[in-house]
N, C-alpha and C. Protein backbone atom coordinates (compact mmCIF):
# COMPACT_ATOMS: atom_id res chain seq x y z
N UNK A 1 0.85 -0.86 -0.25
CA UNK A 1 -0.08 -0.08 -0.09
C UNK A 1 0.88 1.33 -0.20
N UNK A 2 2.45 1.65 0.43
CA UNK A 2 2.57 2.30 0.48
C UNK A 2 3.18 3.23 -0.90
N UNK A 3 3.56 2.09 -2.17
CA UNK A 3 3.73 2.82 -2.77
C UNK A 3 2.33 3.30 -4.04
N UNK A 4 0.92 2.76 -3.63
CA UNK A 4 -0.29 3.45 -3.53
C UNK A 4 -0.11 5.02 -3.15
N UNK A 5 0.05 4.70 -2.30
CA UNK A 5 0.44 6.36 -1.02
C UNK A 5 1.61 7.51 -2.11
N UNK A 6 2.38 7.48 -2.51
CA UNK A 6 3.34 7.51 -3.33
C UNK A 6 2.82 8.26 -4.28
N UNK A 7 2.16 7.24 -5.55
CA UNK A 7 1.40 7.31 -6.63
C UNK A 7 0.50 8.43 -6.29
N UNK A 8 -0.43 8.04 -5.64
CA UNK A 8 -1.56 9.27 -5.61
C UNK A 8 -1.02 10.71 -5.19
N UNK A 9 0.18 10.66 -4.43
CA UNK A 9 0.72 12.06 -3.98
C UNK A 9 0.92 12.96 -5.01
N UNK A 10 1.88 11.95 -5.54
CA UNK A 10 2.38 12.57 -7.07
C UNK A 10 1.25 13.01 -8.22
N UNK A 11 0.59 11.85 -8.27
CA UNK A 11 -0.65 12.21 -9.10
C UNK A 11 -1.22 13.68 -8.67
N UNK A 12 -1.29 13.42 -7.99
CA UNK A 12 -2.02 14.79 -6.94
C UNK A 12 -1.52 16.30 -7.10
N UNK A 13 -0.24 16.48 -7.35
CA UNK A 13 0.46 17.17 -7.61
C UNK A 13 0.51 17.94 -8.66
N UNK A 14 -0.07 16.81 -10.28
CA UNK A 14 -0.08 17.48 -11.37
C UNK A 14 -1.36 17.62 -12.12
N UNK A 15 -2.61 17.26 -10.67
CA UNK A 15 -3.53 17.51 -10.94
C UNK A 15 -4.13 18.98 -11.20
N UNK A 16 -4.51 19.82 -12.20
CA UNK A 16 -4.37 20.76 -11.96
C UNK A 16 -5.78 21.49 -11.67
N UNK A 17 -6.93 19.93 -11.61
CA UNK A 17 -8.26 20.22 -11.55
C UNK A 17 -8.68 19.67 -9.95
N UNK A 18 -7.76 19.34 -9.17
CA UNK A 18 -7.69 18.73 -8.07
C UNK A 18 -8.55 17.96 -7.42
N UNK A 19 -9.09 16.69 -8.29
CA UNK A 19 -9.96 16.01 -8.00
C UNK A 19 -9.79 15.44 -7.01
N UNK A 20 -10.30 14.35 -5.65
CA UNK A 20 -9.84 13.56 -5.27
C UNK A 20 -11.48 13.06 -5.16
N UNK A 21 -11.17 11.38 -5.23
CA UNK A 21 -12.46 10.59 -5.16
C UNK A 21 -12.12 9.91 -4.08
N UNK A 22 -12.86 9.41 -2.74
CA UNK A 22 -12.79 9.06 -1.61
C UNK A 22 -13.62 8.30 -1.00
N UNK A 23 -13.79 7.45 -0.21
CA UNK A 23 -14.77 6.78 0.73
C UNK A 23 -15.92 7.28 1.21
N UNK A 24 -17.12 7.37 0.64
CA UNK A 24 -17.63 7.96 1.52
C UNK A 24 -17.80 7.47 3.47
N UNK A 25 -17.83 6.39 3.75
CA UNK A 25 -18.08 5.74 5.30
C UNK A 25 -16.36 6.45 5.83
N UNK A 26 -15.29 6.69 5.44
CA UNK A 26 -14.42 6.26 5.72
C UNK A 26 -12.99 8.21 5.62
N UNK A 27 -13.95 8.29 4.74
CA UNK A 27 -13.36 9.96 4.10
C UNK A 27 -11.70 9.58 3.40
N UNK A 28 -11.18 8.32 3.25
CA UNK A 28 -10.17 8.20 2.66
C UNK A 28 -9.99 7.82 1.50
N UNK A 29 -8.85 7.92 0.74
CA UNK A 29 -8.90 7.59 -0.83
C UNK A 29 -9.19 6.58 -0.80
N UNK A 30 -10.22 6.57 -1.91
CA UNK A 30 -10.84 5.10 -2.70
C UNK A 30 -9.92 4.01 -3.77
N UNK A 31 -9.64 2.96 -3.05
CA UNK A 31 -9.15 1.79 -4.14
C UNK A 31 -9.48 1.36 -4.93
N UNK A 32 -9.07 1.06 -6.18
CA UNK A 32 -9.21 -0.11 -7.30
C UNK A 32 -10.56 0.85 -8.15
N UNK A 33 -10.39 2.10 -7.83
CA UNK A 33 -11.18 3.04 -8.90
C UNK A 33 -10.21 4.21 -9.03
N UNK A 34 -10.40 4.01 -10.71
CA UNK A 34 -9.71 4.87 -11.75
C UNK A 34 -10.39 6.44 -12.21
N UNK A 35 -9.80 7.65 -12.70
CA UNK A 35 -10.82 8.72 -13.10
C UNK A 35 -10.23 9.21 -13.76
N UNK A 36 -9.92 10.15 -14.93
CA UNK A 36 -9.55 11.21 -15.60
C UNK A 36 -10.84 12.00 -15.67
N UNK A 37 -10.09 13.45 -15.75
CA UNK A 37 -10.23 14.53 -15.23
C UNK A 37 -9.98 15.59 -16.66
N UNK A 38 -10.80 16.58 -17.11
CA UNK A 38 -10.58 17.65 -18.36
C UNK A 38 -11.86 18.54 -18.05
N UNK A 39 -11.28 19.80 -18.63
CA UNK A 39 -12.06 21.15 -18.71
C UNK A 39 -12.50 20.84 -19.99
N UNK A 40 -13.57 21.10 -20.54
CA UNK A 40 -14.41 20.97 -21.52
C UNK A 40 -15.56 21.74 -21.71
N UNK A 41 -15.25 22.98 -22.54
CA UNK A 41 -16.45 24.10 -22.72
C UNK A 41 -16.64 24.69 -21.62
N UNK A 42 -15.95 25.16 -20.68
CA UNK A 42 -15.48 25.80 -19.56
C UNK A 42 -15.91 24.81 -18.10
N UNK A 43 -16.40 23.76 -18.19
CA UNK A 43 -16.81 22.47 -17.41
C UNK A 43 -16.24 21.25 -17.55
N UNK A 44 -15.85 21.37 -16.19
CA UNK A 44 -15.12 20.23 -15.66
C UNK A 44 -16.01 18.63 -15.93
N UNK A 45 -14.96 17.86 -16.44
CA UNK A 45 -15.52 16.43 -16.78
C UNK A 45 -15.01 15.58 -16.00
N UNK A 46 -15.54 14.49 -15.60
CA UNK A 46 -14.68 13.04 -14.98
C UNK A 46 -15.36 12.26 -15.34
N UNK A 47 -14.51 11.25 -16.00
CA UNK A 47 -14.12 9.94 -16.10
C UNK A 47 -14.18 9.17 -14.80
N UNK A 48 -15.12 8.13 -14.19
CA UNK A 48 -15.04 7.30 -13.15
C UNK A 48 -15.27 6.03 -13.86
N UNK A 49 -14.56 4.81 -13.27
CA UNK A 49 -14.94 3.22 -13.05
C UNK A 49 -13.88 2.86 -11.91
N UNK A 50 -14.85 1.68 -11.53
CA UNK A 50 -14.65 0.97 -10.24
C UNK A 50 -14.27 -0.40 -10.97
N UNK A 51 -12.54 -0.87 -11.01
CA UNK A 51 -12.05 -1.62 -10.94
C UNK A 51 -12.11 -3.09 -9.96
N UNK A 52 -13.38 -2.74 -9.32
CA UNK A 52 -13.32 -4.14 -8.33
C UNK A 52 -14.57 -4.89 -8.21
N UNK A 53 -14.67 -5.40 -7.58
CA UNK A 53 -16.22 -6.59 -8.01
C UNK A 53 -17.22 -5.74 -6.76
N UNK A 54 -16.67 -5.07 -5.94
CA UNK A 54 -17.72 -4.80 -4.93
C UNK A 54 -17.91 -3.28 -5.13
N UNK A 55 -19.45 -2.95 -5.36
CA UNK A 55 -19.54 -1.18 -5.16
C UNK A 55 -18.81 -0.54 -4.01
N UNK A 56 -18.95 0.68 -4.50
CA UNK A 56 -18.55 1.36 -3.90
C UNK A 56 -18.87 2.76 -3.76
N UNK A 57 -19.12 3.12 -1.98
CA UNK A 57 -19.91 4.80 -2.21
C UNK A 57 -19.00 5.86 -2.16
N UNK A 58 -18.91 6.86 -2.83
CA UNK A 58 -18.18 7.64 -2.99
C UNK A 58 -18.58 9.06 -3.09
N UNK A 59 -17.60 9.70 -2.56
CA UNK A 59 -18.04 11.49 -2.76
C UNK A 59 -16.65 12.18 -3.38
N UNK A 60 -16.90 13.15 -4.24
CA UNK A 60 -16.11 13.53 -5.14
C UNK A 60 -15.74 14.89 -4.50
N UNK A 61 -14.41 15.20 -4.33
CA UNK A 61 -14.22 16.53 -3.79
C UNK A 61 -13.12 17.09 -5.15
N UNK A 62 -13.08 18.48 -4.92
CA UNK A 62 -12.61 19.04 -5.76
C UNK A 62 -11.85 20.55 -5.05
N UNK A 63 -10.49 20.45 -5.14
CA UNK A 63 -10.27 21.43 -3.99
C UNK A 63 -10.47 21.72 -3.04
N UNK A 64 -10.48 20.23 -2.39
CA UNK A 64 -11.19 19.56 -1.30
C UNK A 64 -12.26 20.20 -0.56
N UNK A 65 -13.17 20.37 -1.49
CA UNK A 65 -14.86 21.04 -1.61
C UNK A 65 -15.45 20.04 -1.73
N UNK A 66 -16.58 19.01 -1.10
CA UNK A 66 -17.41 18.30 -1.52
C UNK A 66 -18.20 18.94 -2.85
N UNK A 67 -18.62 18.05 -4.09
CA UNK A 67 -19.46 17.98 -4.93
C UNK A 67 -20.48 17.47 -4.72
N UNK A 68 -21.49 18.21 -4.66
CA UNK A 68 -22.95 17.64 -4.39
C UNK A 68 -23.61 17.40 -6.01
N UNK A 69 -24.41 17.98 -6.56
CA UNK A 69 -24.91 17.78 -7.77
C UNK A 69 -24.48 17.78 -8.73
N UNK A 70 -24.59 16.79 -10.09
CA UNK A 70 -23.59 16.89 -11.17
C UNK A 70 -24.80 16.06 -12.18
N UNK A 71 -24.37 16.43 -13.19
CA UNK A 71 -24.81 15.51 -14.25
C UNK A 71 -24.41 14.19 -14.76
N UNK A 72 -24.95 13.58 -15.24
CA UNK A 72 -24.55 12.47 -15.55
C UNK A 72 -24.32 12.09 -16.97
N UNK A 73 -23.05 11.74 -17.78
CA UNK A 73 -23.76 12.43 -19.10
C UNK A 73 -23.97 10.66 -19.55
N UNK A 74 -23.76 9.82 -19.38
CA UNK A 74 -24.02 8.42 -20.18
C UNK A 74 -25.75 8.56 -19.94
N UNK A 75 -26.50 8.40 -19.03
CA UNK A 75 -27.42 8.16 -18.29
C UNK A 75 -28.18 9.90 -18.50
N UNK A 76 -27.79 10.71 -18.88
CA UNK A 76 -28.39 12.04 -19.27
C UNK A 76 -29.15 12.55 -17.74
N UNK A 77 -28.70 11.89 -16.75
CA UNK A 77 -29.37 12.28 -15.32
C UNK A 77 -28.76 13.44 -14.30
N UNK A 78 -29.49 13.70 -13.72
CA UNK A 78 -28.85 14.59 -12.57
C UNK A 78 -28.32 13.84 -11.36
N UNK A 79 -27.34 13.96 -10.56
CA UNK A 79 -26.89 12.66 -9.95
C UNK A 79 -26.64 13.31 -8.08
N UNK A 80 -26.86 13.02 -7.62
CA UNK A 80 -26.48 13.69 -6.27
C UNK A 80 -25.35 13.06 -5.19
N UNK A 81 -24.37 13.37 -5.79
CA UNK A 81 -22.97 12.90 -5.58
C UNK A 81 -22.92 13.24 -3.83
N UNK A 82 -23.17 13.39 -2.74
CA UNK A 82 -23.00 12.95 -1.51
C UNK A 82 -23.44 11.35 -1.29
N UNK A 83 -23.65 11.18 -1.55
CA UNK A 83 -24.00 9.66 -1.24
C UNK A 83 -24.14 8.71 -2.68
N UNK A 84 -22.95 8.39 -3.25
CA UNK A 84 -23.13 7.99 -4.72
C UNK A 84 -22.68 6.57 -4.75
N UNK A 85 -23.23 5.19 -5.41
CA UNK A 85 -22.62 3.93 -5.29
C UNK A 85 -22.29 3.94 -6.88
N UNK A 86 -21.15 3.64 -6.80
CA UNK A 86 -20.18 3.34 -7.63
C UNK A 86 -20.28 1.97 -8.12
N UNK A 87 -20.91 1.01 -8.96
CA UNK A 87 -21.23 0.14 -9.44
C UNK A 87 -19.83 -0.95 -10.08
N UNK A 88 -19.80 -2.28 -9.91
CA UNK A 88 -18.31 -2.86 -10.48
C UNK A 88 -18.63 -2.66 -12.17
N UNK A 89 -17.21 -2.16 -12.57
CA UNK A 89 -17.00 -2.21 -14.04
C UNK A 89 -17.91 -1.21 -14.82
N UNK A 90 -18.47 -0.07 -14.35
CA UNK A 90 -19.43 0.41 -14.77
C UNK A 90 -19.13 1.37 -14.89
N UNK A 91 -18.43 2.65 -16.38
CA UNK A 91 -18.11 3.88 -16.23
C UNK A 91 -19.11 4.55 -16.15
N UNK A 92 -18.27 5.94 -15.60
CA UNK A 92 -19.66 7.52 -15.15
C UNK A 92 -18.68 8.23 -15.23
N UNK A 93 -19.76 8.89 -16.68
CA UNK A 93 -19.24 10.23 -16.91
C UNK A 93 -20.02 11.71 -16.69
N UNK A 94 -19.26 12.45 -15.60
CA UNK A 94 -19.85 13.12 -14.93
C UNK A 94 -19.39 14.77 -14.98
N UNK A 95 -20.43 15.58 -15.45
CA UNK A 95 -19.92 17.19 -16.06
C UNK A 95 -20.22 17.98 -14.33
N UNK A 96 -19.13 18.40 -13.89
CA UNK A 96 -19.35 19.28 -12.78
C UNK A 96 -20.07 20.37 -13.53
N UNK A 97 -21.28 21.07 -12.49
CA UNK A 97 -22.11 22.06 -12.65
C UNK A 97 -21.56 23.53 -11.82
């Protein structure tokens, strides 16, 4: 696990959007989940996928502030991110409003 902490810290240094995905119960970084963020048409888009078989209940933080309502672009719905279940191997593409 120490290597994961080192890599996560290095990645955080270069993440210009300062996106963090945390376990909603512990507040710790969530493992087995990958994400990428990009600024597109002035809005932050985040592609997220859980690469483990157990669902994860997550919170998203940008610059250490929690994100609440976002648009989920695959389903076209508005999602409340304060208690979001990330299903196994199911990509999620969100736009932060």
